[in-house]
Amino acid sequence: MFSKSKINDPAPKPEEGKPAAPETQAAPQRQSTDFKPAAPKAKPAASVLSSDLHITGNVKTTGDIQVEGTVEGDIRAHLLTVGETATIKGECIADDVVVNGRIVGRVRGLKVRLTATARVEGDIIHKTIAIESGAHFEGSVQRQDDPLSANKGKSAGASAPQAGGGQQGGGGQAQPAQKSQQQTG
């Protein structure tokens, strides 16, 4: 029994002394390791091409990109956001495309959204599309189940009349089955 009392005696002593601090530090370390796996799951921030940037050439990323400047070339991304001050002259391919600025070229995306400030001069191949009132669009609209595929020959012209006119929300601004010509000042 005397030995049992010695085992019980050291427990109260660390509470009174400084050795208690390392014990409290050990517990948060165990908790922090539980939360560390959540950090790699965080999605990296979108790459931003500022308004004073002019790129000549193609841009490709598996992440998100926000364009505020000018790009003369094709862009491929997961999420492409075209800012109000942006101009893209080339093909835009992304899972999600949000257009606030100007695109001169083909747009291919699973979800394509033209906001009220958008100007698109080119064909749009999409799975779902939304066109806000006030958006300017010149070209044809075609729905495909897989708009990101590289079947560029099939997408031009021949199946353009299949585009769903009921999906348009542009207040008469966009005409999917024929070329529309909108002029702005």
Protein backbone atom coordinates (compact mmCIF):
# COMPACT_ATOMS: atom_id res chain seq x y z
CA MET A 1 0.00 0.00 0.00
CA PHE A 2 2.82 2.30 0.60
CA SER A 3 3.74 2.05 -3.05
CA LYS A 4 0.16 2.86 -4.06
CA SER A 5 0.31 6.07 -2.08
CA LYS A 6 3.49 7.04 -3.93
CA ILE A 7 1.69 6.57 -7.23
CA ASN A 8 -1.17 8.76 -6.06
CA ASP A 9 1.14 11.41 -4.57
CA PRO A 10 2.85 12.52 -7.84
CA ALA A 11 -0.53 13.31 -9.43
CA PRO A 12 -1.35 16.20 -7.07
CA LYS A 13 2.20 17.56 -7.29
CA PRO A 14 2.09 18.35 -11.08
CA GLU A 15 -1.14 20.32 -10.49
CA GLU A 16 0.67 22.51 -7.99
CA GLY A 17 3.92 22.85 -9.97
CA LYS A 18 4.87 23.96 -13.48
CA PRO A 19 4.81 20.47 -15.05
CA ALA A 20 1.04 21.01 -15.53
CA ALA A 21 1.72 23.41 -18.42
CA PRO A 22 3.24 20.74 -20.71
CA GLU A 23 0.17 18.57 -20.10
CA THR A 24 -2.15 21.38 -21.25
CA GLN A 25 0.04 21.93 -24.29
CA ALA A 26 -0.18 18.25 -25.18
CA ALA A 27 -3.97 18.33 -25.33
CA PRO A 28 -4.20 21.23 -27.86
CA GLN A 29 -1.60 19.55 -30.04
CA ARG A 30 -3.81 16.50 -30.29
CA GLN A 31 -6.79 18.68 -31.13
CA SER A 32 -4.86 20.69 -33.72
CA THR A 33 -3.85 17.52 -35.54
CA ASP A 34 -7.53 16.65 -35.77
CA PHE A 35 -8.20 19.92 -37.60
CA LYS A 36 -5.17 19.88 -39.92
CA PRO A 37 -6.79 17.61 -42.56
CA ALA A 38 -9.41 20.33 -43.16
CA ALA A 39 -6.76 22.78 -44.40
CA PRO A 40 -5.77 20.87 -47.59
CA LYS A 41 -9.46 20.66 -48.55
CA ALA A 42 -9.63 24.45 -48.84
CA LYS A 43 -9.88 25.61 -52.44
CA PRO A 44 -7.15 27.99 -53.61
CA ALA A 45 -8.17 31.54 -54.41
CA ALA A 46 -8.95 32.49 -57.99
CA SER A 47 -6.12 33.86 -60.10
CA VAL A 48 -6.80 37.49 -60.98
CA LEU A 49 -5.56 39.17 -64.14
CA SER A 50 -5.77 42.86 -63.26
CA SER A 51 -7.19 45.58 -65.49
CA ASP A 52 -3.74 46.91 -66.46
CA LEU A 53 -2.57 43.49 -67.68
CA HIS A 54 -2.50 42.60 -71.39
CA ILE A 55 -1.78 38.97 -72.28
CA THR A 56 -1.04 37.74 -75.78
CA GLY A 57 -1.22 33.96 -75.77
CA ASN A 58 -3.26 31.13 -74.33
CA VAL A 59 -4.07 30.79 -70.63
CA LYS A 60 -4.78 27.39 -69.08
CA THR A 61 -5.50 26.45 -65.47
CA THR A 62 -7.36 23.74 -63.59
CA GLY A 63 -8.47 26.34 -61.05
CA ASP A 64 -10.50 29.51 -61.15
CA ILE A 65 -9.52 32.66 -63.00
CA GLN A 66 -10.90 36.18 -62.97
CA VAL A 67 -9.98 38.38 -65.91
CA GLU A 68 -10.15 42.16 -65.55
CA GLY A 69 -7.61 43.02 -68.26
CA THR A 70 -7.17 42.02 -71.91
CA VAL A 71 -6.39 38.54 -73.21
CA GLU A 72 -5.70 37.84 -76.87
CA GLY A 73 -5.79 34.07 -76.92
CA ASP A 74 -7.78 31.12 -75.67
CA ILE A 75 -8.61 30.62 -71.99
CA ARG A 76 -9.32 27.28 -70.32
CA ALA A 77 -10.26 27.10 -66.64
CA HIS A 78 -12.61 25.53 -64.12
CA LEU A 79 -14.43 28.79 -63.37
CA LEU A 80 -13.89 31.76 -65.67
CA THR A 81 -15.15 35.14 -64.53
CA VAL A 82 -14.86 37.92 -67.11
CA GLY A 83 -14.90 41.27 -65.30
CA GLU A 84 -16.67 44.38 -66.57
CA THR A 85 -13.39 45.95 -67.72
CA ALA A 86 -12.14 42.78 -69.42
CA THR A 87 -11.84 41.99 -73.11
CA ILE A 88 -11.08 38.47 -74.32
CA LYS A 89 -10.35 37.82 -77.98
CA GLY A 90 -10.31 34.05 -78.28
CA GLU A 91 -12.13 30.91 -77.25
CA CYS A 92 -13.23 30.57 -73.63
CA ILE A 93 -13.65 27.04 -72.27
CA ALA A 94 -14.67 26.42 -68.65
CA ASP A 95 -17.04 24.42 -66.51
CA ASP A 96 -18.62 27.69 -65.37
CA VAL A 97 -18.39 30.94 -67.34
CA VAL A 98 -19.67 34.23 -65.92
CA VAL A 99 -19.43 37.10 -68.39
CA ASN A 100 -19.61 40.67 -67.14
CA GLY A 101 -17.31 42.12 -69.83
CA ARG A 102 -16.54 41.52 -73.50
CA ILE A 103 -15.70 38.29 -75.33
CA VAL A 104 -14.96 38.13 -79.04
CA GLY A 105 -14.88 34.42 -79.80
CA ARG A 106 -16.54 31.14 -78.98
CA VAL A 107 -17.69 30.35 -75.44
CA ARG A 108 -17.92 26.72 -74.31
CA GLY A 109 -19.17 25.89 -70.84
CA LEU A 110 -21.35 23.60 -68.79
CA LYS A 111 -22.95 26.66 -67.19
CA VAL A 112 -22.75 29.99 -69.01
CA ARG A 113 -24.10 33.21 -67.55
CA LEU A 114 -24.24 36.54 -69.35
CA THR A 115 -24.91 39.39 -66.94
CA ALA A 116 -26.53 42.69 -67.87
CA THR A 117 -23.11 44.24 -68.69
CA ALA A 118 -21.95 41.35 -70.91
CA ARG A 119 -21.01 41.71 -74.61
CA VAL A 120 -20.41 38.47 -76.49
CA GLU A 121 -19.58 38.33 -80.19
CA GLY A 122 -19.40 34.65 -81.02
CA ASP A 123 -21.14 31.34 -80.63
CA ILE A 124 -22.04 29.89 -77.24
CA ILE A 125 -22.03 26.13 -76.71
CA HIS A 126 -23.48 25.26 -73.30
CA LYS A 127 -25.31 22.74 -71.17
CA THR A 128 -27.22 25.43 -69.27
CA ILE A 129 -27.34 29.15 -69.98
CA ALA A 130 -28.69 32.30 -68.38
CA ILE A 131 -28.82 35.64 -70.16
CA GLU A 132 -29.81 38.66 -68.11
CA SER A 133 -31.79 41.53 -69.55
CA GLY A 134 -29.41 44.11 -71.02
CA ALA A 135 -26.76 41.63 -72.15
CA HIS A 136 -25.57 42.08 -75.75
CA PHE A 137 -25.01 38.94 -77.75
CA GLU A 138 -24.19 38.38 -81.43
CA GLY A 139 -23.94 34.78 -82.51
CA SER A 140 -25.67 31.47 -82.11
CA VAL A 141 -26.49 29.43 -79.04
CA GLN A 142 -26.24 25.66 -79.03
CA ARG A 143 -27.03 23.27 -76.21
CA GLN A 144 -24.86 20.15 -75.86
CA ASP A 145 -24.69 17.57 -73.11
CA ASP A 146 -20.88 17.78 -73.26
CA PRO A 147 -20.00 21.29 -74.46
CA LEU A 148 -16.38 20.97 -73.30
CA SER A 149 -15.60 18.23 -75.81
CA ALA A 150 -13.31 19.09 -78.71
CA ASN A 151 -15.93 18.42 -81.43
CA LYS A 152 -15.49 21.87 -82.92
CA GLY A 153 -16.54 20.78 -86.41
CA LYS A 154 -19.97 19.64 -85.23
CA SER A 155 -20.64 22.71 -83.13
CA ALA A 156 -20.54 25.29 -85.94
CA GLY A 157 -23.63 26.01 -87.95
CA ALA A 158 -25.33 22.67 -88.64
CA SER A 159 -26.99 22.20 -85.25
CA ALA A 160 -27.47 25.86 -84.31
CA PRO A 161 -31.23 25.77 -85.02
CA GLN A 162 -31.61 23.20 -82.22
CA ALA A 163 -30.87 25.84 -79.59
CA GLY A 164 -33.65 26.24 -77.05
CA GLY A 165 -35.21 29.68 -77.43
CA GLY A 166 -37.21 29.19 -74.21
CA GLN A 167 -34.03 29.27 -72.14
CA GLN A 168 -33.20 32.84 -73.00
CA GLY A 169 -33.76 35.58 -70.45
CA GLY A 170 -32.29 38.44 -72.44
CA GLY A 171 -35.54 40.29 -73.02
CA GLY A 172 -35.27 39.85 -76.78
CA GLN A 173 -31.60 40.73 -76.82
CA ALA A 174 -30.46 37.26 -77.94
CA GLN A 175 -31.84 35.24 -80.82
CA PRO A 176 -30.40 31.72 -80.66
CA ALA A 177 -31.50 30.26 -83.99
CA GLN A 178 -30.18 33.08 -86.14
CA LYS A 179 -27.52 35.73 -86.06
CA SER A 180 -28.63 38.75 -84.06
CA GLN A 181 -27.03 42.12 -84.45
CA GLN A 182 -27.06 44.41 -81.46
CA GLN A 183 -25.36 47.76 -81.66
CA THR A 184 -24.38 49.81 -78.66
CA GLY A 185 -22.78 53.19 -78.40
